[in-house]
């Protein structure tokens, strides 16, 4: 259904195999909206992160590559034995099975999109 050229506010609509969603329709867990690919017919998943200052996940691994795109704010990210500051515009490629974590080290909300090369999240927390 179209309303003034925009999609209606239904949960989602499927046209020729495409899904149309609003961010707010995704589950929000902890500090992130969760896009689970297997429920949307996509071969990848994503966390859409909205982390408050001081927030971040524990040290963990995934059995697949993850790519983190920092959109706003700044974070300290550890990948393996390396720790760096990442600011808006930064992109971090995290190899499979590599311990990693981030923490919002700024004074504003950290917004990033973390793409997981898997249709579902698989995470092993190490801390």
C-alpha atoms as a PDB file:
ATOM      1  CA  UNK A   1       0.000   0.000   0.000  1.00  0.00           C
ATOM      2  CA  UNK A   2       1.281   3.482  -0.902  1.00  0.00           C
ATOM      3  CA  UNK A   3       0.514   6.608   1.125  1.00  0.00           C
ATOM      4  CA  UNK A   4       1.702   9.853  -0.492  1.00  0.00           C
ATOM      5  CA  UNK A   5       4.473   7.950  -2.272  1.00  0.00           C
ATOM      6  CA  UNK A   6       5.721   6.283   0.940  1.00  0.00           C
ATOM      7  CA  UNK A   7       5.352   2.775   2.261  1.00  0.00           C
ATOM      8  CA  UNK A   8       2.610   2.266   4.802  1.00  0.00           C
ATOM      9  CA  UNK A   9       3.606   1.490   8.383  1.00  0.00           C
ATOM     10  CA  UNK A  10       2.897  -2.243   8.138  1.00  0.00           C
ATOM     11  CA  UNK A  11       5.309  -4.717   9.751  1.00  0.00           C
ATOM     12  CA  UNK A  12       6.829  -5.429   6.335  1.00  0.00           C
ATOM     13  CA  UNK A  13       5.782  -5.937   2.783  1.00  0.00           C
ATOM     14  CA  UNK A  14       7.153  -8.397   0.285  1.00  0.00           C
ATOM     15  CA  UNK A  15       7.267  -7.501  -3.395  1.00  0.00           C
ATOM     16  CA  UNK A  16       8.996  -9.907  -5.786  1.00  0.00           C
ATOM     17  CA  UNK A  17      11.031 -11.371  -2.907  1.00  0.00           C
ATOM     18  CA  UNK A  18      12.008  -8.026  -1.384  1.00  0.00           C
ATOM     19  CA  UNK A  19      11.329  -7.060   2.230  1.00  0.00           C
ATOM     20  CA  UNK A  20      10.667  -3.519   3.359  1.00  0.00           C
ATOM     21  CA  UNK A  21      11.246  -2.835   7.063  1.00  0.00           C
ATOM     22  CA  UNK A  22      11.562   0.102   9.409  1.00  0.00           C
ATOM     23  CA  UNK A  23      14.484   0.065  11.839  1.00  0.00           C
ATOM     24  CA  UNK A  24      12.101   0.280  14.789  1.00  0.00           C
ATOM     25  CA  UNK A  25      10.517  -3.017  13.720  1.00  0.00           C
ATOM     26  CA  UNK A  26      13.729  -4.919  14.439  1.00  0.00           C
ATOM     27  CA  UNK A  27      14.359  -6.337  17.919  1.00  0.00           C
ATOM     28  CA  UNK A  28      16.388  -3.977  20.119  1.00  0.00           C
ATOM     29  CA  UNK A  29      18.656  -5.919  22.487  1.00  0.00           C
ATOM     30  CA  UNK A  30      21.140  -4.253  24.825  1.00  0.00           C
ATOM     31  CA  UNK A  31      22.491  -1.429  22.659  1.00  0.00           C
ATOM     32  CA  UNK A  32      21.599  -2.594  19.140  1.00  0.00           C
ATOM     33  CA  UNK A  33      18.824  -3.272  16.694  1.00  0.00           C
ATOM     34  CA  UNK A  34      19.281  -6.807  15.349  1.00  0.00           C
ATOM     35  CA  UNK A  35      18.809  -7.578  11.666  1.00  0.00           C
ATOM     36  CA  UNK A  36      18.831 -11.389  11.461  1.00  0.00           C
ATOM     37  CA  UNK A  37      19.357 -12.381   7.854  1.00  0.00           C
ATOM     38  CA  UNK A  38      17.762 -15.808   8.030  1.00  0.00           C
ATOM     39  CA  UNK A  39      14.428 -14.252   9.042  1.00  0.00           C
ATOM     40  CA  UNK A  40      14.622 -11.718   6.199  1.00  0.00           C
ATOM     41  CA  UNK A  41      15.900 -13.968   3.400  1.00  0.00           C
ATOM     42  CA  UNK A  42      19.378 -12.387   3.453  1.00  0.00           C
ATOM     43  CA  UNK A  43      22.779 -14.155   3.587  1.00  0.00           C
ATOM     44  CA  UNK A  44      24.134 -11.757   6.252  1.00  0.00           C
ATOM     45  CA  UNK A  45      23.101 -10.258   9.595  1.00  0.00           C
ATOM     46  CA  UNK A  46      23.773  -6.858  11.156  1.00  0.00           C
ATOM     47  CA  UNK A  47      23.805  -5.047  14.456  1.00  0.00           C
ATOM     48  CA  UNK A  48      22.728  -1.420  14.152  1.00  0.00           C
ATOM     49  CA  UNK A  49      24.516  -0.095  17.221  1.00  0.00           C
ATOM     50  CA  UNK A  50      23.375   2.856  19.371  1.00  0.00           C
ATOM     51  CA  UNK A  51      25.853   2.637  22.257  1.00  0.00           C
ATOM     52  CA  UNK A  52      25.871   5.143  25.096  1.00  0.00           C
ATOM     53  CA  UNK A  53      29.229   6.349  26.438  1.00  0.00           C
ATOM     54  CA  UNK A  54      31.002   3.471  28.180  1.00  0.00           C
ATOM     55  CA  UNK A  55      28.896   0.783  26.484  1.00  0.00           C
ATOM     56  CA  UNK A  56      30.314  -2.065  24.442  1.00  0.00           C
ATOM     57  CA  UNK A  57      30.211  -5.847  24.175  1.00  0.00           C
ATOM     58  CA  UNK A  58      32.540  -8.201  26.054  1.00  0.00           C
ATOM     59  CA  UNK A  59      35.551  -9.707  24.289  1.00  0.00           C
ATOM     60  CA  UNK A  60      34.151 -12.292  21.856  1.00  0.00           C
ATOM     61  CA  UNK A  61      34.637 -14.158  18.566  1.00  0.00           C
ATOM     62  CA  UNK A  62      32.541 -15.189  15.563  1.00  0.00           C
ATOM     63  CA  UNK A  63      33.291 -18.050  13.133  1.00  0.00           C
ATOM     64  CA  UNK A  64      32.918 -15.613  10.203  1.00  0.00           C
ATOM     65  CA  UNK A  65      34.145 -12.176   9.111  1.00  0.00           C
ATOM     66  CA  UNK A  66      32.569  -9.057  10.616  1.00  0.00           C
ATOM     67  CA  UNK A  67      32.857  -5.529   9.207  1.00  0.00           C
ATOM     68  CA  UNK A  68      32.141  -2.558  11.490  1.00  0.00           C
ATOM     69  CA  UNK A  69      31.202   0.788   9.925  1.00  0.00           C
ATOM     70  CA  UNK A  70      31.378   3.704  12.378  1.00  0.00           C
ATOM     71  CA  UNK A  71      28.794   6.337  11.432  1.00  0.00           C
ATOM     72  CA  UNK A  72      28.852   8.707  14.434  1.00  0.00           C
ATOM     73  CA  UNK A  73      30.905   9.028  17.590  1.00  0.00           C
ATOM     74  CA  UNK A  74      34.143   7.343  18.517  1.00  0.00           C
ATOM     75  CA  UNK A  75      35.160   4.034  20.003  1.00  0.00           C
ATOM     76  CA  UNK A  76      38.174   2.095  21.116  1.00  0.00           C
ATOM     77  CA  UNK A  77      38.214  -1.231  19.314  1.00  0.00           C
ATOM     78  CA  UNK A  78      40.435  -4.194  20.053  1.00  0.00           C
ATOM     79  CA  UNK A  79      40.976  -6.785  17.321  1.00  0.00           C
ATOM     80  CA  UNK A  80      43.352  -9.555  18.320  1.00  0.00           C
ATOM     81  CA  UNK A  81      46.367  -7.886  19.983  1.00  0.00           C
ATOM     82  CA  UNK A  82      45.777  -4.464  18.426  1.00  0.00           C
ATOM     83  CA  UNK A  83      43.760  -1.613  19.971  1.00  0.00           C
ATOM     84  CA  UNK A  84      42.863   1.548  18.050  1.00  0.00           C
ATOM     85  CA  UNK A  85      40.602   4.570  18.218  1.00  0.00           C
ATOM     86  CA  UNK A  86      37.938   4.612  15.514  1.00  0.00           C
ATOM     87  CA  UNK A  87      35.926   7.699  14.577  1.00  0.00           C
ATOM     88  CA  UNK A  88      33.004   8.404  12.251  1.00  0.00           C
ATOM     89  CA  UNK A  89      33.926   7.188   8.790  1.00  0.00           C
ATOM     90  CA  UNK A  90      36.138   4.399  10.116  1.00  0.00           C
ATOM     91  CA  UNK A  91      35.755   0.848   8.828  1.00  0.00           C
ATOM     92  CA  UNK A  92      37.200  -2.180  10.606  1.00  0.00           C
ATOM     93  CA  UNK A  93      37.401  -5.640   9.024  1.00  0.00           C
ATOM     94  CA  UNK A  94      37.510  -8.312  11.735  1.00  0.00           C
ATOM     95  CA  UNK A  95      38.756 -11.736  10.590  1.00  0.00           C
ATOM     96  CA  UNK A  96      36.850 -14.876  11.537  1.00  0.00           C
ATOM     97  CA  UNK A  97      37.673 -16.374  14.954  1.00  0.00           C
ATOM     98  CA  UNK A  98      39.580 -13.252  16.063  1.00  0.00           C
ATOM     99  CA  UNK A  99      38.871 -11.990  19.601  1.00  0.00           C
ATOM    100  CA  UNK A 100      37.497  -8.453  19.468  1.00  0.00           C
ATOM    101  CA  UNK A 101      35.465  -5.854  21.316  1.00  0.00           C
ATOM    102  CA  UNK A 102      34.694  -2.149  21.276  1.00  0.00           C
ATOM    103  CA  UNK A 103      33.686   0.454  23.818  1.00  0.00           C
ATOM    104  CA  UNK A 104      32.170   3.878  23.212  1.00  0.00           C
ATOM    105  CA  UNK A 105      34.928   6.183  24.490  1.00  0.00           C
ATOM    106  CA  UNK A 106      33.198   9.383  23.431  1.00  0.00           C
ATOM    107  CA  UNK A 107      30.708  11.600  25.233  1.00  0.00           C
ATOM    108  CA  UNK A 108      27.908  11.053  22.696  1.00  0.00           C
ATOM    109  CA  UNK A 109      26.048   8.060  21.286  1.00  0.00           C
ATOM    110  CA  UNK A 110      28.166   5.736  19.140  1.00  0.00           C
ATOM    111  CA  UNK A 111      26.333   4.723  15.979  1.00  0.00           C
ATOM    112  CA  UNK A 112      27.728   1.949  13.868  1.00  0.00           C
ATOM    113  CA  UNK A 113      26.584  -0.860  11.626  1.00  0.00           C
ATOM    114  CA  UNK A 114      28.290  -4.202  12.201  1.00  0.00           C
ATOM    115  CA  UNK A 115      27.801  -6.564   9.258  1.00  0.00           C
ATOM    116  CA  UNK A 116      28.137 -10.278  10.048  1.00  0.00           C
ATOM    117  CA  UNK A 117      28.888 -12.651   7.164  1.00  0.00           C
ATOM    118  CA  UNK A 118      26.277 -15.120   8.372  1.00  0.00           C
ATOM    119  CA  UNK A 119      22.497 -15.308   8.118  1.00  0.00           C
ATOM    120  CA  UNK A 120      22.390 -15.610  11.928  1.00  0.00           C
ATOM    121  CA  UNK A 121      24.532 -14.357  14.800  1.00  0.00           C
ATOM    122  CA  UNK A 122      27.026 -16.845  16.239  1.00  0.00           C
ATOM    123  CA  UNK A 123      29.031 -15.419  19.122  1.00  0.00           C
ATOM    124  CA  UNK A 124      31.325 -16.892  21.756  1.00  0.00           C
ATOM    125  CA  UNK A 125      31.962 -14.525  24.676  1.00  0.00           C
ATOM    126  CA  UNK A 126      35.469 -14.789  26.098  1.00  0.00           C
ATOM    127  CA  UNK A 127      35.135 -12.490  29.094  1.00  0.00           C
END
